[in-house]
Amino acid sequence: MPEQQGALSRDEPSASERLGELLAAARESAELSQAQMADALGVERSTYANWEVSSRRPRRFWSLLPKIARITGKSLYYFFGLPEPDGLSHEARALAEIYDKIKSERSRRLVYEVADNALRQEGG
């Protein structure tokens, strides 16, 4: 019997499993433990840990997702696996946000020169 077009293969994680992976990755990139994230959200550590591994997410999770996004510096688009509306990757957006925080023109110029040199070394 041929595989249905558009059907998920058994090797691909479900959207809900993928969300758990993205939660964990976002938390880790923010250098937070599950306990720290749970504390920031006002939930038990075990509750938060379940959100990272379980496919079941109660209404409370969905109401806290915007706060999770703010804490981790990710957008809601990230958690749904969608591209940003402006077409920038999550990494490019994070880099731009860091650059915007630099006040000194000299430091900004240095960041630009480092990025430009890296690009040249890669042949770009």
PDB file of N, CA and C in Angstrom:
ATOM      1  N   MET A   1       0.847  -1.182   0.000  1.00  0.00           N
ATOM      2  CA  MET A   1       0.000   0.000   0.000  1.00  0.00           C
ATOM      3  C   MET A   1       0.891   1.243   0.000  1.00  0.00           C
ATOM      4  N   PRO A   2       0.711   2.189  -0.926  1.00  0.00           N
ATOM      5  CA  PRO A   2       1.571   3.372  -0.983  1.00  0.00           C
ATOM      6  C   PRO A   2       1.337   4.286   0.208  1.00  0.00           C
ATOM      7  N   GLU A   3       2.421   4.961   0.601  1.00  0.00           N
ATOM      8  CA  GLU A   3       2.325   5.916   1.713  1.00  0.00           C
ATOM      9  C   GLU A   3       1.505   7.111   1.270  1.00  0.00           C
ATOM     10  N   GLN A   4       0.610   7.572   2.156  1.00  0.00           N
ATOM     11  CA  GLN A   4      -0.229   8.711   1.832  1.00  0.00           C
ATOM     12  C   GLN A   4       0.625   9.965   1.743  1.00  0.00           C
ATOM     13  N   GLN A   5       0.338  10.776   0.735  1.00  0.00           N
ATOM     14  CA  GLN A   5       1.053  12.030   0.588  1.00  0.00           C
ATOM     15  C   GLN A   5       0.689  12.955   1.735  1.00  0.00           C
ATOM     16  N   GLY A   6       1.717  13.578   2.314  1.00  0.00           N
ATOM     17  CA  GLY A   6       1.481  14.510   3.409  1.00  0.00           C
ATOM     18  C   GLY A   6       1.398  13.840   4.764  1.00  0.00           C
ATOM     19  N   ALA A   7       1.358  12.512   4.807  1.00  0.00           N
ATOM     20  CA  ALA A   7       1.291  11.820   6.083  1.00  0.00           C
ATOM     21  C   ALA A   7       2.671  11.835   6.740  1.00  0.00           C
ATOM     22  N   LEU A   8       2.706  11.925   8.058  1.00  0.00           N
ATOM     23  CA  LEU A   8       3.967  11.898   8.778  1.00  0.00           C
ATOM     24  C   LEU A   8       4.534  10.492   8.758  1.00  0.00           C
ATOM     25  N   SER A   9       5.825  10.378   8.531  1.00  0.00           N
ATOM     26  CA  SER A   9       6.447   9.070   8.656  1.00  0.00           C
ATOM     27  C   SER A   9       6.594   8.784  10.140  1.00  0.00           C
ATOM     28  N   ARG A  10       6.803   7.547  10.479  1.00  0.00           N
ATOM     29  CA  ARG A  10       6.934   7.174  11.887  1.00  0.00           C
ATOM     30  C   ARG A  10       8.207   7.741  12.509  1.00  0.00           C
ATOM     31  N   ASP A  11       9.177   8.117  11.681  1.00  0.00           N
ATOM     32  CA  ASP A  11      10.429   8.657  12.190  1.00  0.00           C
ATOM     33  C   ASP A  11      10.326  10.126  12.551  1.00  0.00           C
ATOM     34  N   GLU A  12       9.362  10.834  11.999  1.00  0.00           N
ATOM     35  CA  GLU A  12       9.234  12.267  12.255  1.00  0.00           C
ATOM     36  C   GLU A  12       8.462  12.505  13.547  1.00  0.00           C
ATOM     37  N   PRO A  13       8.954  13.445  14.382  1.00  0.00           N
ATOM     38  CA  PRO A  13       8.205  13.747  15.610  1.00  0.00           C
ATOM     39  C   PRO A  13       6.901  14.461  15.275  1.00  0.00           C
ATOM     40  N   SER A  14       5.918  14.244  16.127  1.00  0.00           N
ATOM     41  CA  SER A  14       4.658  14.956  15.947  1.00  0.00           C
ATOM     42  C   SER A  14       4.875  16.426  16.283  1.00  0.00           C
ATOM     43  N   ALA A  15       3.928  17.263  15.914  1.00  0.00           N
ATOM     44  CA  ALA A  15       4.024  18.694  16.219  1.00  0.00           C
ATOM     45  C   ALA A  15       4.135  18.901  17.723  1.00  0.00           C
ATOM     46  N   SER A  16       3.421  18.110  18.488  1.00  0.00           N
ATOM     47  CA  SER A  16       3.452  18.243  19.933  1.00  0.00           C
ATOM     48  C   SER A  16       4.807  17.815  20.503  1.00  0.00           C
ATOM     49  N   GLU A  17       5.382  16.732  19.968  1.00  0.00           N
ATOM     50  CA  GLU A  17       6.711  16.308  20.405  1.00  0.00           C
ATOM     51  C   GLU A  17       7.749  17.364  20.022  1.00  0.00           C
ATOM     52  N   ARG A  18       7.597  17.922  18.834  1.00  0.00           N
ATOM     53  CA  ARG A  18       8.519  18.947  18.365  1.00  0.00           C
ATOM     54  C   ARG A  18       8.447  20.182  19.270  1.00  0.00           C
ATOM     55  N   LEU A  19       7.254  20.529  19.729  1.00  0.00           N
ATOM     56  CA  LEU A  19       7.101  21.665  20.630  1.00  0.00           C
ATOM     57  C   LEU A  19       7.883  21.426  21.919  1.00  0.00           C
ATOM     58  N   GLY A  20       7.820  20.211  22.437  1.00  0.00           N
ATOM     59  CA  GLY A  20       8.590  19.878  23.637  1.00  0.00           C
ATOM     60  C   GLY A  20      10.078  20.041  23.415  1.00  0.00           C
ATOM     61  N   GLU A  21      10.556  19.595  22.241  1.00  0.00           N
ATOM     62  CA  GLU A  21      11.976  19.749  21.903  1.00  0.00           C
ATOM     63  C   GLU A  21      12.351  21.229  21.814  1.00  0.00           C
ATOM     64  N   LEU A  22      11.476  22.028  21.224  1.00  0.00           N
ATOM     65  CA  LEU A  22      11.746  23.468  21.094  1.00  0.00           C
ATOM     66  C   LEU A  22      11.735  24.155  22.455  1.00  0.00           C
ATOM     67  N   LEU A  23      10.835  23.732  23.346  1.00  0.00           N
ATOM     68  CA  LEU A  23      10.817  24.285  24.708  1.00  0.00           C
ATOM     69  C   LEU A  23      12.151  24.027  25.396  1.00  0.00           C
ATOM     70  N   ALA A  24      12.614  22.785  25.318  1.00  0.00           N
ATOM     71  CA  ALA A  24      13.875  22.423  25.967  1.00  0.00           C
ATOM     72  C   ALA A  24      15.041  23.197  25.347  1.00  0.00           C
ATOM     73  N   ALA A  25      15.083  23.277  24.023  1.00  0.00           N
ATOM     74  CA  ALA A  25      16.173  23.981  23.338  1.00  0.00           C
ATOM     75  C   ALA A  25      16.174  25.465  23.700  1.00  0.00           C
ATOM     76  N   ALA A  26      15.002  26.083  23.751  1.00  0.00           N
ATOM     77  CA  ALA A  26      14.905  27.502  24.094  1.00  0.00           C
ATOM     78  C   ALA A  26      15.358  27.739  25.530  1.00  0.00           C
ATOM     79  N   ARG A  27      14.931  26.871  26.428  1.00  0.00           N
ATOM     80  CA  ARG A  27      15.334  27.000  27.838  1.00  0.00           C
ATOM     81  C   ARG A  27      16.844  26.843  27.980  1.00  0.00           C
ATOM     82  N   GLU A  28      17.385  25.839  27.294  1.00  0.00           N
ATOM     83  CA  GLU A  28      18.824  25.603  27.374  1.00  0.00           C
ATOM     84  C   GLU A  28      19.618  26.759  26.764  1.00  0.00           C
ATOM     85  N   SER A  29      19.128  27.315  25.657  1.00  0.00           N
ATOM     86  CA  SER A  29      19.855  28.437  25.041  1.00  0.00           C
ATOM     87  C   SER A  29      19.804  29.682  25.929  1.00  0.00           C
ATOM     88  N   ALA A  30      18.791  29.770  26.771  1.00  0.00           N
ATOM     89  CA  ALA A  30      18.699  30.866  27.739  1.00  0.00           C
ATOM     90  C   ALA A  30      19.488  30.547  29.016  1.00  0.00           C
ATOM     91  N   GLU A  31      20.146  29.362  29.004  1.00  0.00           N
ATOM     92  CA  GLU A  31      20.956  28.899  30.131  1.00  0.00           C
ATOM     93  C   GLU A  31      20.165  28.837  31.430  1.00  0.00           C
ATOM     94  N   LEU A  32      18.968  28.274  31.328  1.00  0.00           N
ATOM     95  CA  LEU A  32      18.099  28.099  32.496  1.00  0.00           C
ATOM     96  C   LEU A  32      17.889  26.615  32.758  1.00  0.00           C
ATOM     97  N   SER A  33      17.800  26.260  34.024  1.00  0.00           N
ATOM     98  CA  SER A  33      17.426  24.896  34.381  1.00  0.00           C
ATOM     99  C   SER A  33      15.905  24.780  34.329  1.00  0.00           C
ATOM    100  N   GLN A  34      15.419  23.566  34.362  1.00  0.00           N
ATOM    101  CA  GLN A  34      13.959  23.390  34.416  1.00  0.00           C
ATOM    102  C   GLN A  34      13.407  24.026  35.682  1.00  0.00           C
ATOM    103  N   ALA A  35      14.136  23.917  36.781  1.00  0.00           N
ATOM    104  CA  ALA A  35      13.673  24.504  38.046  1.00  0.00           C
ATOM    105  C   ALA A  35      13.600  26.031  37.946  1.00  0.00           C
ATOM    106  N   GLN A  36      14.599  26.649  37.319  1.00  0.00           N
ATOM    107  CA  GLN A  36      14.586  28.110  37.162  1.00  0.00           C
ATOM    108  C   GLN A  36      13.435  28.559  36.266  1.00  0.00           C
ATOM    109  N   MET A  37      13.199  27.816  35.188  1.00  0.00           N
ATOM    110  CA  MET A  37      12.096  28.162  34.286  1.00  0.00           C
ATOM    111  C   MET A  37      10.765  28.006  35.008  1.00  0.00           C
ATOM    112  N   ALA A  38      10.612  26.919  35.718  1.00  0.00           N
ATOM    113  CA  ALA A  38       9.372  26.689  36.455  1.00  0.00           C
ATOM    114  C   ALA A  38       9.124  27.797  37.473  1.00  0.00           C
ATOM    115  N   ASP A  39      10.186  28.194  38.175  1.00  0.00           N
ATOM    116  CA  ASP A  39      10.063  29.260  39.171  1.00  0.00           C
ATOM    117  C   ASP A  39       9.638  30.567  38.502  1.00  0.00           C
ATOM    118  N   ALA A  40      10.239  30.882  37.359  1.00  0.00           N
ATOM    119  CA  ALA A  40       9.898  32.123  36.643  1.00  0.00           C
ATOM    120  C   ALA A  40       8.449  32.112  36.166  1.00  0.00           C
ATOM    121  N   LEU A  41       7.930  30.914  35.895  1.00  0.00           N
ATOM    122  CA  LEU A  41       6.552  30.789  35.412  1.00  0.00           C
ATOM    123  C   LEU A  41       5.542  30.603  36.543  1.00  0.00           C
ATOM    124  N   GLY A  42       6.038  30.322  37.745  1.00  0.00           N
ATOM    125  CA  GLY A  42       5.140  30.096  38.881  1.00  0.00           C
ATOM    126  C   GLY A  42       4.471  28.732  38.861  1.00  0.00           C
ATOM    127  N   VAL A  43       5.195  27.726  38.334  1.00  0.00           N
ATOM    128  CA  VAL A  43       4.666  26.356  38.324  1.00  0.00           C
ATOM    129  C   VAL A  43       5.691  25.436  38.970  1.00  0.00           C
ATOM    130  N   GLU A  44       5.269  24.238  39.311  1.00  0.00           N
ATOM    131  CA  GLU A  44       6.184  23.246  39.868  1.00  0.00           C
ATOM    132  C   GLU A  44       7.161  22.789  38.791  1.00  0.00           C
ATOM    133  N   ARG A  45       8.373  22.416  39.217  1.00  0.00           N
ATOM    134  CA  ARG A  45       9.371  21.930  38.264  1.00  0.00           C
ATOM    135  C   ARG A  45       8.866  20.718  37.503  1.00  0.00           C
ATOM    136  N   SER A  46       8.191  19.816  38.188  1.00  0.00           N
ATOM    137  CA  SER A  46       7.676  18.615  37.524  1.00  0.00           C
ATOM    138  C   SER A  46       6.631  18.960  36.460  1.00  0.00           C
ATOM    139  N   THR A  47       5.861  19.997  36.715  1.00  0.00           N
ATOM    140  CA  THR A  47       4.865  20.444  35.727  1.00  0.00           C
ATOM    141  C   THR A  47       5.568  20.936  34.474  1.00  0.00           C
ATOM    142  N   TYR A  48       6.568  21.799  34.672  1.00  0.00           N
ATOM    143  CA  TYR A  48       7.298  22.306  33.513  1.00  0.00           C
ATOM    144  C   TYR A  48       8.015  21.170  32.783  1.00  0.00           C
ATOM    145  N   ALA A  49       8.649  20.279  33.520  1.00  0.00           N
ATOM    146  CA  ALA A  49       9.376  19.156  32.911  1.00  0.00           C
ATOM    147  C   ALA A  49       8.443  18.323  32.038  1.00  0.00           C
ATOM    148  N   ASN A  50       7.211  18.119  32.503  1.00  0.00           N
ATOM    149  CA  ASN A  50       6.235  17.374  31.704  1.00  0.00           C
ATOM    150  C   ASN A  50       5.919  18.079  30.396  1.00  0.00           C
ATOM    151  N   TRP A  51       5.911  19.385  30.389  1.00  0.00           N
ATOM    152  CA  TRP A  51       5.627  20.126  29.154  1.00  0.00           C
ATOM    153  C   TRP A  51       6.709  19.878  28.109  1.00  0.00           C
ATOM    154  N   GLU A  52       7.946  19.632  28.560  1.00  0.00           N
ATOM    155  CA  GLU A  52       9.030  19.372  27.617  1.00  0.00           C
ATOM    156  C   GLU A  52       8.986  17.954  27.044  1.00  0.00           C
ATOM    157  N   VAL A  53       8.371  17.021  27.754  1.00  0.00           N
ATOM    158  CA  VAL A  53       8.406  15.625  27.294  1.00  0.00           C
ATOM    159  C   VAL A  53       7.052  15.038  26.923  1.00  0.00           C
ATOM    160  N   SER A  54       5.986  15.627  27.382  1.00  0.00           N
ATOM    161  CA  SER A  54       4.660  15.075  27.156  1.00  0.00           C
ATOM    162  C   SER A  54       3.983  15.731  25.956  1.00  0.00           C
ATOM    163  N   SER A  55       3.064  15.012  25.369  1.00  0.00           N
ATOM    164  CA  SER A  55       2.276  15.608  24.287  1.00  0.00           C
ATOM    165  C   SER A  55       1.039  16.313  24.843  1.00  0.00           C
ATOM    166  N   ARG A  56       0.790  16.146  26.138  1.00  0.00           N
ATOM    167  CA  ARG A  56      -0.377  16.762  26.764  1.00  0.00           C
ATOM    168  C   ARG A  56       0.014  18.101  27.379  1.00  0.00           C
ATOM    169  N   ARG A  57      -0.656  19.149  26.950  1.00  0.00           N
ATOM    170  CA  ARG A  57      -0.380  20.477  27.492  1.00  0.00           C
ATOM    171  C   ARG A  57      -1.703  21.144  27.847  1.00  0.00           C
ATOM    172  N   PRO A  58      -1.920  21.399  29.124  1.00  0.00           N
ATOM    173  CA  PRO A  58      -3.186  21.998  29.551  1.00  0.00           C
ATOM    174  C   PRO A  58      -3.295  23.465  29.142  1.00  0.00           C
ATOM    175  N   ARG A  59      -4.478  23.982  29.324  1.00  0.00           N
ATOM    176  CA  ARG A  59      -4.773  25.372  28.975  1.00  0.00           C
ATOM    177  C   ARG A  59      -3.776  26.331  29.625  1.00  0.00           C
ATOM    178  N   ARG A  60      -3.359  26.018  30.840  1.00  0.00           N
ATOM    179  CA  ARG A  60      -2.418  26.903  31.543  1.00  0.00           C
ATOM    180  C   ARG A  60      -1.113  27.041  30.757  1.00  0.00           C
ATOM    181  N   PHE A  61      -0.650  25.945  30.156  1.00  0.00           N
ATOM    182  CA  PHE A  61       0.570  26.021  29.349  1.00  0.00           C
ATOM    183  C   PHE A  61       0.409  27.054  28.243  1.00  0.00           C
ATOM    184  N   TRP A  62      -0.700  26.970  27.512  1.00  0.00           N
ATOM    185  CA  TRP A  62      -0.905  27.868  26.371  1.00  0.00           C
ATOM    186  C   TRP A  62      -0.993  29.326  26.819  1.00  0.00           C
ATOM    187  N   SER A  63      -1.529  29.556  28.027  1.00  0.00           N
ATOM    188  CA  SER A  63      -1.587  30.935  28.506  1.00  0.00           C
ATOM    189  C   SER A  63      -0.209  31.443  28.933  1.00  0.00           C
ATOM    190  N   LEU A  64       0.709  30.526  29.273  1.00  0.00           N
ATOM    191  CA  LEU A  64       2.061  30.907  29.680  1.00  0.00           C
ATOM    192  C   LEU A  64       3.061  30.927  28.523  1.00  0.00           C
ATOM    193  N   LEU A  65       2.669  30.426  27.360  1.00  0.00           N
ATOM    194  CA  LEU A  65       3.614  30.369  26.244  1.00  0.00           C
ATOM    195  C   LEU A  65       4.189  31.742  25.876  1.00  0.00           C
ATOM    196  N   PRO A  66       3.400  32.827  25.841  1.00  0.00           N
ATOM    197  CA  PRO A  66       4.014  34.136  25.565  1.00  0.00           C
ATOM    198  C   PRO A  66       5.077  34.526  26.607  1.00  0.00           C
ATOM    199  N   LYS A  67       4.855  34.168  27.866  1.00  0.00           N
ATOM    200  CA  LYS A  67       5.840  34.460  28.911  1.00  0.00           C
ATOM    201  C   LYS A  67       7.096  33.611  28.700  1.00  0.00           C
ATOM    202  N   ILE A  68       6.917  32.352  28.307  1.00  0.00           N
ATOM    203  CA  ILE A  68       8.061  31.487  28.004  1.00  0.00           C
ATOM    204  C   ILE A  68       8.878  32.105  26.872  1.00  0.00           C
ATOM    205  N   ALA A  69       8.177  32.615  25.870  1.00  0.00           N
ATOM    206  CA  ALA A  69       8.864  33.252  24.738  1.00  0.00           C
ATOM    207  C   ALA A  69       9.685  34.455  25.214  1.00  0.00           C
ATOM    208  N   ARG A  70       9.108  35.289  26.063  1.00  0.00           N
ATOM    209  CA  ARG A  70       9.830  36.462  26.569  1.00  0.00           C
ATOM    210  C   ARG A  70      11.048  36.046  27.393  1.00  0.00           C
ATOM    211  N   ILE A  71      10.879  35.072  28.273  1.00  0.00           N
ATOM    212  CA  ILE A  71      11.963  34.630  29.145  1.00  0.00           C
ATOM    213  C   ILE A  71      13.124  34.064  28.332  1.00  0.00           C
ATOM    214  N   THR A  72      12.806  33.305  27.305  1.00  0.00           N
ATOM    215  CA  THR A  72      13.845  32.642  26.516  1.00  0.00           C
ATOM    216  C   THR A  72      14.363  33.495  25.366  1.00  0.00           C
ATOM    217  N   GLY A  73      13.705  34.626  25.105  1.00  0.00           N
ATOM    218  CA  GLY A  73      14.130  35.480  24.000  1.00  0.00           C
ATOM    219  C   GLY A  73      13.732  34.939  22.637  1.00  0.00           C
ATOM    220  N   LYS A  74      12.781  34.022  22.613  1.00  0.00           N
ATOM    221  CA  LYS A  74      12.298  33.448  21.353  1.00  0.00           C
ATOM    222  C   LYS A  74      10.943  34.059  21.026  1.00  0.00           C
ATOM    223  N   SER A  75      10.565  33.957  19.770  1.00  0.00           N
ATOM    224  CA  SER A  75       9.249  34.455  19.377  1.00  0.00           C
ATOM    225  C   SER A  75       8.244  33.304  19.426  1.00  0.00           C
ATOM    226  N   LEU A  76       6.992  33.641  19.399  1.00  0.00           N
ATOM    227  CA  LEU A  76       5.970  32.594  19.327  1.00  0.00           C
ATOM    228  C   LEU A  76       6.091  31.819  18.022  1.00  0.00           C
ATOM    229  N   TYR A  77       6.537  32.499  16.970  1.00  0.00           N
ATOM    230  CA  TYR A  77       6.747  31.803  15.689  1.00  0.00           C
ATOM    231  C   TYR A  77       7.716  30.639  15.872  1.00  0.00           C
ATOM    232  N   TYR A  78       8.756  30.837  16.677  1.00  0.00           N
ATOM    233  CA  TYR A  78       9.758  29.807  16.940  1.00  0.00           C
ATOM    234  C   TYR A  78       9.090  28.546  17.482  1.00  0.00           C
ATOM    235  N   PHE A  79       8.216  28.711  18.474  1.00  0.00           N
ATOM    236  CA  PHE A  79       7.606  27.556  19.128  1.00  0.00           C
ATOM    237  C   PHE A  79       6.634  26.801  18.225  1.00  0.00           C
ATOM    238  N   PHE A  80       6.138  27.475  17.213  1.00  0.00           N
ATOM    239  CA  PHE A  80       5.248  26.803  16.269  1.00  0.00           C
ATOM    240  C   PHE A  80       5.981  26.359  15.008  1.00  0.00           C
ATOM    241  N   GLY A  81       7.307  26.568  14.999  1.00  0.00           N
ATOM    242  CA  GLY A  81       8.110  26.140  13.865  1.00  0.00           C
ATOM    243  C   GLY A  81       7.837  26.919  12.595  1.00  0.00           C
ATOM    244  N   LEU A  82       7.412  28.156  12.755  1.00  0.00           N
ATOM    245  CA  LEU A  82       7.062  28.991  11.604  1.00  0.00           C
ATOM    246  C   LEU A  82       8.153  30.016  11.340  1.00  0.00           C
ATOM    247  N   PRO A  83       8.323  30.428  10.088  1.00  0.00           N
ATOM    248  CA  PRO A  83       9.308  31.475   9.799  1.00  0.00           C
ATOM    249  C   PRO A  83       8.830  32.810  10.358  1.00  0.00           C
ATOM    250  N   GLU A  84       9.787  33.639  10.713  1.00  0.00           N
ATOM    251  CA  GLU A  84       9.453  34.980  11.185  1.00  0.00           C
ATOM    252  C   GLU A  84       8.834  35.765  10.031  1.00  0.00           C
ATOM    253  N   PRO A  85       7.914  36.688  10.295  1.00  0.00           N
ATOM    254  CA  PRO A  85       7.263  37.440   9.223  1.00  0.00           C
ATOM    255  C   PRO A  85       8.242  38.241   8.358  1.00  0.00           C
ATOM    256  N   ASP A  86       9.365  38.678   8.952  1.00  0.00           N
ATOM    257  CA  ASP A  86      10.326  39.460   8.175  1.00  0.00           C
ATOM    258  C   ASP A  86      11.339  38.585   7.454  1.00  0.00           C
ATOM    259  N   GLY A  87      11.224  37.272   7.597  1.00  0.00           N
ATOM    260  CA  GLY A  87      12.104  36.356   6.888  1.00  0.00           C
ATOM    261  C   GLY A  87      13.427  36.087   7.583  1.00  0.00           C
ATOM    262  N   LEU A  88      13.703  36.755   8.697  1.00  0.00           N
ATOM    263  CA  LEU A  88      14.951  36.517   9.413  1.00  0.00           C
ATOM    264  C   LEU A  88      14.869  35.208  10.191  1.00  0.00           C
ATOM    265  N   SER A  89      15.974  34.502  10.247  1.00  0.00           N
ATOM    266  CA  SER A  89      16.025  33.297  11.080  1.00  0.00           C
ATOM    267  C   SER A  89      16.043  33.736  12.544  1.00  0.00           C
ATOM    268  N   HIS A  90      15.783  32.806  13.436  1.00  0.00           N
ATOM    269  CA  HIS A  90      15.804  33.114  14.864  1.00  0.00           C
ATOM    270  C   HIS A  90      17.210  33.551  15.286  1.00  0.00           C
ATOM    271  N   GLU A  91      18.233  32.912  14.690  1.00  0.00           N
ATOM    272  CA  GLU A  91      19.613  33.260  15.015  1.00  0.00           C
ATOM    273  C   GLU A  91      19.948  34.673  14.533  1.00  0.00           C
ATOM    274  N   ALA A  92      19.509  35.020  13.322  1.00  0.00           N
ATOM    275  CA  ALA A  92      19.769  36.357  12.788  1.00  0.00           C
ATOM    276  C   ALA A  92      19.070  37.419  13.632  1.00  0.00           C
ATOM    277  N   ARG A  93      17.857  37.109  14.065  1.00  0.00           N
ATOM    278  CA  ARG A  93      17.118  38.048  14.912  1.00  0.00           C
ATOM    279  C   ARG A  93      17.849  38.249  16.241  1.00  0.00           C
ATOM    280  N   ALA A  94      18.345  37.156  16.823  1.00  0.00           N
ATOM    281  CA  ALA A  94      19.063  37.254  18.097  1.00  0.00           C
ATOM    282  C   ALA A  94      20.333  38.083  17.931  1.00  0.00           C
ATOM    283  N   LEU A  95      21.045  37.876  16.834  1.00  0.00           N
ATOM    284  CA  LEU A  95      22.255  38.648  16.574  1.00  0.00           C
ATOM    285  C   LEU A  95      21.927  40.132  16.399  1.00  0.00           C
ATOM    286  N   ALA A  96      20.863  40.422  15.683  1.00  0.00           N
ATOM    287  CA  ALA A  96      20.457  41.820  15.489  1.00  0.00           C
ATOM    288  C   ALA A  96      20.080  42.469  16.822  1.00  0.00           C
ATOM    289  N   GLU A  97      19.418  41.721  17.690  1.00  0.00           N
ATOM    290  CA  GLU A  97      19.038  42.264  18.992  1.00  0.00           C
ATOM    291  C   GLU A  97      20.266  42.562  19.847  1.00  0.00           C
ATOM    292  N   ILE A  98      21.275  41.686  19.765  1.00  0.00           N
ATOM    293  CA  ILE A  98      22.526  41.935  20.496  1.00  0.00           C
ATOM    294  C   ILE A  98      23.192  43.191  19.945  1.00  0.00           C
ATOM    295  N   TYR A  99      23.275  43.294  18.635  1.00  0.00           N
ATOM    296  CA  TYR A  99      23.904  44.450  17.992  1.00  0.00           C
ATOM    297  C   TYR A  99      23.195  45.745  18.395  1.00  0.00           C
ATOM    298  N   ASP A 100      21.876  45.698  18.443  1.00  0.00           N
ATOM    299  CA  ASP A 100      21.104  46.891  18.809  1.00  0.00           C
ATOM    300  C   ASP A 100      21.382  47.354  20.239  1.00  0.00           C
ATOM    301  N   LYS A 101      21.830  46.453  21.100  1.00  0.00           N
ATOM    302  CA  LYS A 101      22.113  46.807  22.489  1.00  0.00           C
ATOM    303  C   LYS A 101      23.480  47.470  22.649  1.00  0.00           C
ATOM    304  N   ILE A 102      24.324  47.358  21.637  1.00  0.00           N
ATOM    305  CA  ILE A 102      25.657  47.956  21.703  1.00  0.00           C
ATOM    306  C   ILE A 102      25.517  49.466  21.489  1.00  0.00           C
ATOM    307  N   LYS A 103      25.990  50.253  22.440  1.00  0.00           N
ATOM    308  CA  LYS A 103      25.828  51.709  22.384  1.00  0.00           C
ATOM    309  C   LYS A 103      26.988  52.399  21.669  1.00  0.00           C
ATOM    310  N   SER A 104      28.184  51.901  21.893  1.00  0.00           N
ATOM    311  CA  SER A 104      29.377  52.553  21.350  1.00  0.00           C
ATOM    312  C   SER A 104      29.491  52.331  19.837  1.00  0.00           C
ATOM    313  N   GLU A 105      29.680  53.414  19.110  1.00  0.00           N
ATOM    314  CA  GLU A 105      29.864  53.320  17.654  1.00  0.00           C
ATOM    315  C   GLU A 105      31.128  52.534  17.333  1.00  0.00           C
ATOM    316  N   ARG A 106      32.161  52.705  18.138  1.00  0.00           N
ATOM    317  CA  ARG A 106      33.414  51.960  17.933  1.00  0.00           C
ATOM    318  C   ARG A 106      33.176  50.458  18.081  1.00  0.00           C
ATOM    319  N   SER A 107      32.431  50.072  19.101  1.00  0.00           N
ATOM    320  CA  SER A 107      32.129  48.647  19.311  1.00  0.00           C
ATOM    321  C   SER A 107      31.259  48.100  18.191  1.00  0.00           C
ATOM    322  N   ARG A 108      30.301  48.882  17.732  1.00  0.00           N
ATOM    323  CA  ARG A 108      29.454  48.457  16.608  1.00  0.00           C
ATOM    324  C   ARG A 108      30.300  48.232  15.358  1.00  0.00           C
ATOM    325  N   ARG A 109      31.238  49.141  15.110  1.00  0.00           N
ATOM    326  CA  ARG A 109      32.105  49.022  13.948  1.00  0.00           C
ATOM    327  C   ARG A 109      32.962  47.754  14.064  1.00  0.00           C
ATOM    328  N   LEU A 110      33.433  47.448  15.258  1.00  0.00           N
ATOM    329  CA  LEU A 110      34.231  46.243  15.496  1.00  0.00           C
ATOM    330  C   LEU A 110      33.414  44.987  15.204  1.00  0.00           C
ATOM    331  N   VAL A 111      32.175  44.951  15.671  1.00  0.00           N
ATOM    332  CA  VAL A 111      31.301  43.803  15.414  1.00  0.00           C
ATOM    333  C   VAL A 111      31.096  43.629  13.911  1.00  0.00           C
ATOM    334  N   TYR A 112      30.861  44.723  13.225  1.00  0.00           N
ATOM    335  CA  TYR A 112      30.664  44.669  11.783  1.00  0.00           C
ATOM    336  C   TYR A 112      31.915  44.133  11.088  1.00  0.00           C
ATOM    337  N   GLU A 113      33.095  44.620  11.506  1.00  0.00           N
ATOM    338  CA  GLU A 113      34.347  44.172  10.878  1.00  0.00           C
ATOM    339  C   GLU A 113      34.584  42.681  11.111  1.00  0.00           C
ATOM    340  N   VAL A 114      34.305  42.201  12.306  1.00  0.00           N
ATOM    341  CA  VAL A 114      34.467  40.771  12.598  1.00  0.00           C
ATOM    342  C   VAL A 114      33.531  39.941  11.715  1.00  0.00           C
ATOM    343  N   ALA A 115      32.281  40.360  11.613  1.00  0.00           N
ATOM    344  CA  ALA A 115      31.317  39.638  10.779  1.00  0.00           C
ATOM    345  C   ALA A 115      31.732  39.675   9.310  1.00  0.00           C
ATOM    346  N   ASP A 116      32.194  40.831   8.850  1.00  0.00           N
ATOM    347  CA  ASP A 116      32.624  40.971   7.466  1.00  0.00           C
ATOM    348  C   ASP A 116      33.832  40.081   7.177  1.00  0.00           C
ATOM    349  N   ASN A 117      34.798  40.029   8.085  1.00  0.00           N
ATOM    350  CA  ASN A 117      35.968  39.158   7.915  1.00  0.00           C
ATOM    351  C   ASN A 117      35.576  37.686   7.891  1.00  0.00           C
ATOM    352  N   ALA A 118      34.665  37.289   8.764  1.00  0.00           N
ATOM    353  CA  ALA A 118      34.193  35.905   8.781  1.00  0.00           C
ATOM    354  C   ALA A 118      33.543  35.535   7.454  1.00  0.00           C
ATOM    355  N   LEU A 119      32.750  36.445   6.937  1.00  0.00           N
ATOM    356  CA  LEU A 119      32.088  36.208   5.650  1.00  0.00           C
ATOM    357  C   LEU A 119      33.103  36.073   4.523  1.00  0.00           C
ATOM    358  N   ARG A 120      34.105  36.916   4.515  1.00  0.00           N
ATOM    359  CA  ARG A 120      35.162  36.836   3.492  1.00  0.00           C
ATOM    360  C   ARG A 120      35.924  35.523   3.565  1.00  0.00           C
ATOM    361  N   GLN A 121      36.186  35.048   4.773  1.00  0.00           N
ATOM    362  CA  GLN A 121      36.916  33.790   4.959  1.00  0.00           C
ATOM    363  C   GLN A 121      36.107  32.608   4.417  1.00  0.00           C
ATOM    364  N   GLU A 122      34.800  32.732   4.463  1.00  0.00           N
ATOM    365  CA  GLU A 122      33.941  31.670   3.937  1.00  0.00           C
ATOM    366  C   GLU A 122      33.689  31.822   2.453  1.00  0.00           C
ATOM    367  N   GLY A 123      34.263  32.864   1.862  1.00  0.00           N
ATOM    368  CA  GLY A 123      34.120  33.065   0.424  1.00  0.00           C
ATOM    369  C   GLY A 123      32.859  33.799   0.009  1.00  0.00           C
ATOM    370  N   GLY A 124      32.235  34.484   0.944  1.00  0.00           N
ATOM    371  CA  GLY A 124      30.980  35.169   0.645  1.00  0.00           C
ATOM    372  C   GLY A 124      31.106  36.606   0.286  1.00  0.00           C
TER     373      GLY A 124
END
